[in-house]
Structures are given as structure tokens and as C-alpha cells.
């Protein structure tokens, strides 16, 4: 096993991953590395030192975004004005994540993608379940159903500038969170 990374090295890696995620959201996973370097305020050599290949960078961004999304759930529950507001804000983060991961399947094939998908489910389904339970919505929708529904609404958004996946996801969440305990919207 290698030595743990120094605190400054972990911060630098986080800065690179945040910058790469932002560039991927704006331009897709095929965005030039120089754009990521510029966003992070580093040279391209720094990126290649941390992530020798584009696939390494994409996988690292994917894992970083999964962890950020997983960690955000409990934080939002603790800080939001209501559990339903926390759920809505978490879904916004989840949409950002889905946009970031666009193109991942084209970069990774077979077992690599399958293991990342399993990681994604293992980390995020329990967080979604916790948010749904706190919001009193577990009788309305199961966590994986909601996540798949949101994911399906995001499909195709990258190919059509007139398609507003975020607006449609917002309508879904507004409808879901407007349910009263007696089942009436």
C-alpha cells in the first residue's frame, strides 16, 4: 500500500476534480484537458501527473461526484428548512451528477462501467431512501424508482438545447413533494 496523500495533495486533487466536473457539465467528457487546467488554475502537467489518462480522470470525477452527492444528503437534512426541501435540493445535485457522467459509458466498457454503476447504487440509493423517509414519501415512490425517473428525464438533454431536463425534474419533484400525508396533491 502506498503512503496516504498529504493534505495539500488531497486539496489539489479535489480542486482538479471539481474543475473537471464543472467543465464536463458545460462541455461533456470530451472537453479539452487545457480547459480543465485553466478552470483549476494549474498546468496540464499537473492534471496528467494525477490522472495519466482521460479515462482515469473521468472515473475519478465520477467517484468524486458520487461521494459529494452521498455526503450532501445528510448535510441537507440537517440544514434545509424541511425534509422535502432537502430532498428537492439533493435531487438538483443528483441532476448535476447525471449531467457530469454523460459520456462515461462511451469511455468505459464492460466490467469497469458495471463496477462503477454498482458503486453508484451502493452509495446513492441509501441516501435517497433516507431523504424520502425523512420527507414521508416512501409510500409514494421507492428510491431507485425516483433516481431512475430523474435519470430518464435527463436523457437526451445534451442533444437538444430546447430540452430542459432540469425544469422537467423540477416538475416531478414539485409534484412528489406536494403530496399531503392523506395522498392528495
Protein backbone atom coordinates (compact mmCIF):
# COMPACT_ATOMS: atom_id res chain seq x y z
CA UNK A 1 0.00 0.00 0.00
CA UNK A 2 1.16 3.50 -0.77
CA UNK A 3 1.51 6.29 1.70
CA UNK A 4 -1.59 8.42 2.32
CA UNK A 5 -1.61 11.67 0.36
CA UNK A 6 -0.62 14.88 2.10
CA UNK A 7 -3.41 17.33 2.92
CA UNK A 8 -2.27 19.76 0.21
CA UNK A 9 -2.16 16.96 -2.36
CA UNK A 10 -5.73 15.95 -1.42
CA UNK A 11 -6.85 19.59 -1.74
CA UNK A 12 -5.16 19.90 -5.15
CA UNK A 13 -6.81 16.70 -6.34
CA UNK A 14 -10.21 17.92 -5.09
CA UNK A 15 -9.69 21.22 -6.92
CA UNK A 16 -8.86 19.34 -10.12
CA UNK A 17 -11.87 17.05 -9.76
CA UNK A 18 -14.23 19.95 -9.06
CA UNK A 19 -12.87 21.83 -12.08
CA UNK A 20 -13.14 18.75 -14.31
CA UNK A 21 -16.72 18.13 -13.16
CA UNK A 22 -17.67 21.74 -13.96
CA UNK A 23 -16.08 21.54 -17.40
CA UNK A 24 -17.72 18.17 -18.07
CA UNK A 25 -21.13 19.63 -17.15
CA UNK A 26 -20.57 22.55 -19.51
CA UNK A 27 -18.83 20.76 -22.38
CA UNK A 28 -19.05 16.97 -21.90
CA UNK A 29 -16.36 14.43 -21.10
CA UNK A 30 -14.57 15.15 -24.38
CA UNK A 31 -13.71 18.69 -23.26
CA UNK A 32 -10.05 19.61 -23.79
CA UNK A 33 -7.76 18.99 -20.82
CA UNK A 34 -6.47 22.57 -21.22
CA UNK A 35 -9.99 23.81 -20.31
CA UNK A 36 -9.89 21.77 -17.12
CA UNK A 37 -6.39 23.01 -16.31
CA UNK A 38 -7.47 26.61 -16.85
CA UNK A 39 -10.56 26.16 -14.65
CA UNK A 40 -8.41 24.59 -11.91
CA UNK A 41 -5.67 27.20 -12.25
CA UNK A 42 -2.97 24.59 -12.89
CA UNK A 43 -0.81 23.43 -15.76
CA UNK A 44 -1.77 20.48 -17.90
CA UNK A 45 1.18 18.53 -16.49
CA UNK A 46 -0.41 18.68 -13.05
CA UNK A 47 -3.55 17.02 -14.39
CA UNK A 48 -1.58 14.29 -16.15
CA UNK A 49 0.51 13.70 -13.02
CA UNK A 50 -2.69 12.98 -11.05
CA UNK A 51 -4.63 11.33 -13.90
CA UNK A 52 -2.42 9.83 -16.63
CA UNK A 53 -5.35 9.10 -18.98
CA UNK A 54 -8.70 10.73 -19.75
CA UNK A 55 -10.40 7.54 -18.51
CA UNK A 56 -8.56 7.87 -15.16
CA UNK A 57 -9.81 11.44 -14.86
CA UNK A 58 -13.38 10.56 -15.81
CA UNK A 59 -13.53 7.68 -13.33
CA UNK A 60 -12.08 9.89 -10.58
CA UNK A 61 -14.61 12.64 -11.32
CA UNK A 62 -17.42 10.07 -11.30
CA UNK A 63 -16.35 8.68 -7.91
CA UNK A 64 -15.79 12.20 -6.53
CA UNK A 65 -19.28 13.26 -7.63
CA UNK A 66 -20.87 10.13 -6.16
CA UNK A 67 -19.18 10.84 -2.83
CA UNK A 68 -20.20 14.52 -2.91
CA UNK A 69 -23.80 13.53 -3.64
CA UNK A 70 -23.77 10.88 -0.91
CA UNK A 71 -22.33 13.28 1.67
CA UNK A 72 -24.77 16.04 0.72
CA UNK A 73 -27.88 14.06 1.72
CA UNK A 74 -27.35 14.08 5.50
CA UNK A 75 -25.97 17.64 5.36
CA UNK A 76 -29.08 18.87 3.55
CA UNK A 77 -31.36 17.08 6.00
CA UNK A 78 -29.60 18.85 8.85
CA UNK A 79 -29.66 22.31 7.26
CA UNK A 80 -32.70 22.59 5.00
CA UNK A 81 -35.95 24.18 6.14
CA UNK A 82 -37.75 20.84 5.72
CA UNK A 83 -37.00 17.24 4.70
CA UNK A 84 -38.92 17.81 1.45
CA UNK A 85 -36.78 20.87 0.68
CA UNK A 86 -33.68 18.79 1.45
CA UNK A 87 -34.90 16.13 -0.99
CA UNK A 88 -35.52 18.73 -3.72
CA UNK A 89 -32.06 20.24 -3.24
CA UNK A 90 -30.45 16.80 -3.26
CA UNK A 91 -32.22 15.94 -6.50
CA UNK A 92 -30.73 19.13 -8.02
CA UNK A 93 -27.27 17.85 -7.05
CA UNK A 94 -28.16 14.45 -8.47
CA UNK A 95 -29.13 16.07 -11.79
CA UNK A 96 -25.76 17.84 -11.86
CA UNK A 97 -24.10 14.50 -11.25
CA UNK A 98 -26.07 12.85 -14.06
CA UNK A 99 -25.01 15.59 -16.47
CA UNK A 100 -21.38 15.19 -15.36
CA UNK A 101 -21.39 11.48 -16.00
CA UNK A 102 -22.78 11.86 -19.52
CA UNK A 103 -20.44 10.09 -21.87
CA UNK A 104 -18.95 7.84 -19.21
CA UNK A 105 -20.34 4.68 -20.79
CA UNK A 106 -18.60 5.55 -24.05
CA UNK A 107 -15.26 5.83 -22.27
CA UNK A 108 -15.53 2.72 -20.14
CA UNK A 109 -16.58 -0.69 -21.32
CA UNK A 110 -17.79 -3.85 -19.63
CA UNK A 111 -16.68 -4.58 -16.09
CA UNK A 112 -15.26 -1.10 -15.48
CA UNK A 113 -18.61 0.53 -16.09
CA UNK A 114 -20.51 -2.22 -14.27
CA UNK A 115 -18.40 -1.86 -11.12
CA UNK A 116 -18.83 1.93 -11.15
CA UNK A 117 -22.57 1.54 -11.57
CA UNK A 118 -22.68 -0.84 -8.60
CA UNK A 119 -20.66 1.70 -6.57
CA UNK A 120 -23.12 4.42 -7.61
CA UNK A 121 -26.11 2.34 -6.46
CA UNK A 122 -24.45 1.23 -3.21
CA UNK A 123 -23.66 4.82 -2.24
CA UNK A 124 -26.67 6.79 -3.53
CA UNK A 125 -29.75 4.59 -3.17
CA UNK A 126 -29.46 4.57 0.68
CA UNK A 127 -29.09 8.37 0.71
CA UNK A 128 -32.17 8.79 -1.47
CA UNK A 129 -34.02 6.35 0.81
CA UNK A 130 -33.05 8.37 3.87
CA UNK A 131 -34.30 11.59 2.26
CA UNK A 132 -37.57 10.00 1.11
CA UNK A 133 -38.17 8.55 4.56
CA UNK A 134 -37.49 11.86 6.29
CA UNK A 135 -39.84 13.58 3.84
CA UNK A 136 -42.56 11.00 4.49
CA UNK A 137 -42.65 9.93 0.84
CA UNK A 138 -41.64 6.26 0.97
CA UNK A 139 -45.25 5.19 0.34
CA UNK A 140 -45.27 7.26 -2.86
CA UNK A 141 -42.02 6.21 -4.54
CA UNK A 142 -39.09 3.88 -3.96
CA UNK A 143 -35.58 5.37 -4.02
CA UNK A 144 -34.40 3.54 -7.12
CA UNK A 145 -37.62 4.42 -8.96
CA UNK A 146 -37.12 8.09 -8.24
CA UNK A 147 -33.47 8.01 -9.24
CA UNK A 148 -34.29 6.19 -12.49
CA UNK A 149 -37.14 8.59 -13.21
CA UNK A 150 -34.85 11.57 -12.75
CA UNK A 151 -32.19 9.87 -14.86
CA UNK A 152 -34.66 9.17 -17.64
CA UNK A 153 -35.77 12.80 -17.67
CA UNK A 154 -32.13 13.80 -18.13
CA UNK A 155 -31.59 11.52 -21.16
CA UNK A 156 -31.39 13.46 -24.39
CA UNK A 157 -30.87 16.87 -22.83
CA UNK A 158 -27.31 17.05 -24.18
CA UNK A 159 -28.51 16.62 -27.78
CA UNK A 160 -31.31 19.17 -27.75
CA UNK A 161 -30.74 22.70 -26.46
CA UNK A 162 -34.52 23.24 -26.28
CA UNK A 163 -34.99 20.31 -23.92
CA UNK A 164 -34.87 21.47 -20.30
CA UNK A 165 -34.36 18.38 -18.18
CA UNK A 166 -33.91 20.43 -15.01
CA UNK A 167 -37.35 22.02 -15.49
CA UNK A 168 -38.98 18.61 -16.01
CA UNK A 169 -37.20 17.14 -12.98
CA UNK A 170 -38.38 20.18 -11.01
CA UNK A 171 -41.97 19.44 -12.02
CA UNK A 172 -41.56 15.80 -10.97
CA UNK A 173 -40.15 16.77 -7.58
CA UNK A 174 -42.73 19.52 -7.05
CA UNK A 175 -45.49 17.02 -7.71
CA UNK A 176 -43.92 14.42 -5.45
CA UNK A 177 -43.24 16.82 -2.58
CA UNK A 178 -46.66 18.50 -2.78
CA UNK A 179 -48.42 15.27 -1.72
CA UNK A 180 -50.09 15.55 1.65
CA UNK A 181 -49.99 12.68 4.10
CA UNK A 182 -53.51 11.68 3.07
CA UNK A 183 -52.32 11.07 -0.53
CA UNK A 184 -53.96 14.14 -2.04
CA UNK A 185 -51.87 16.52 -4.10
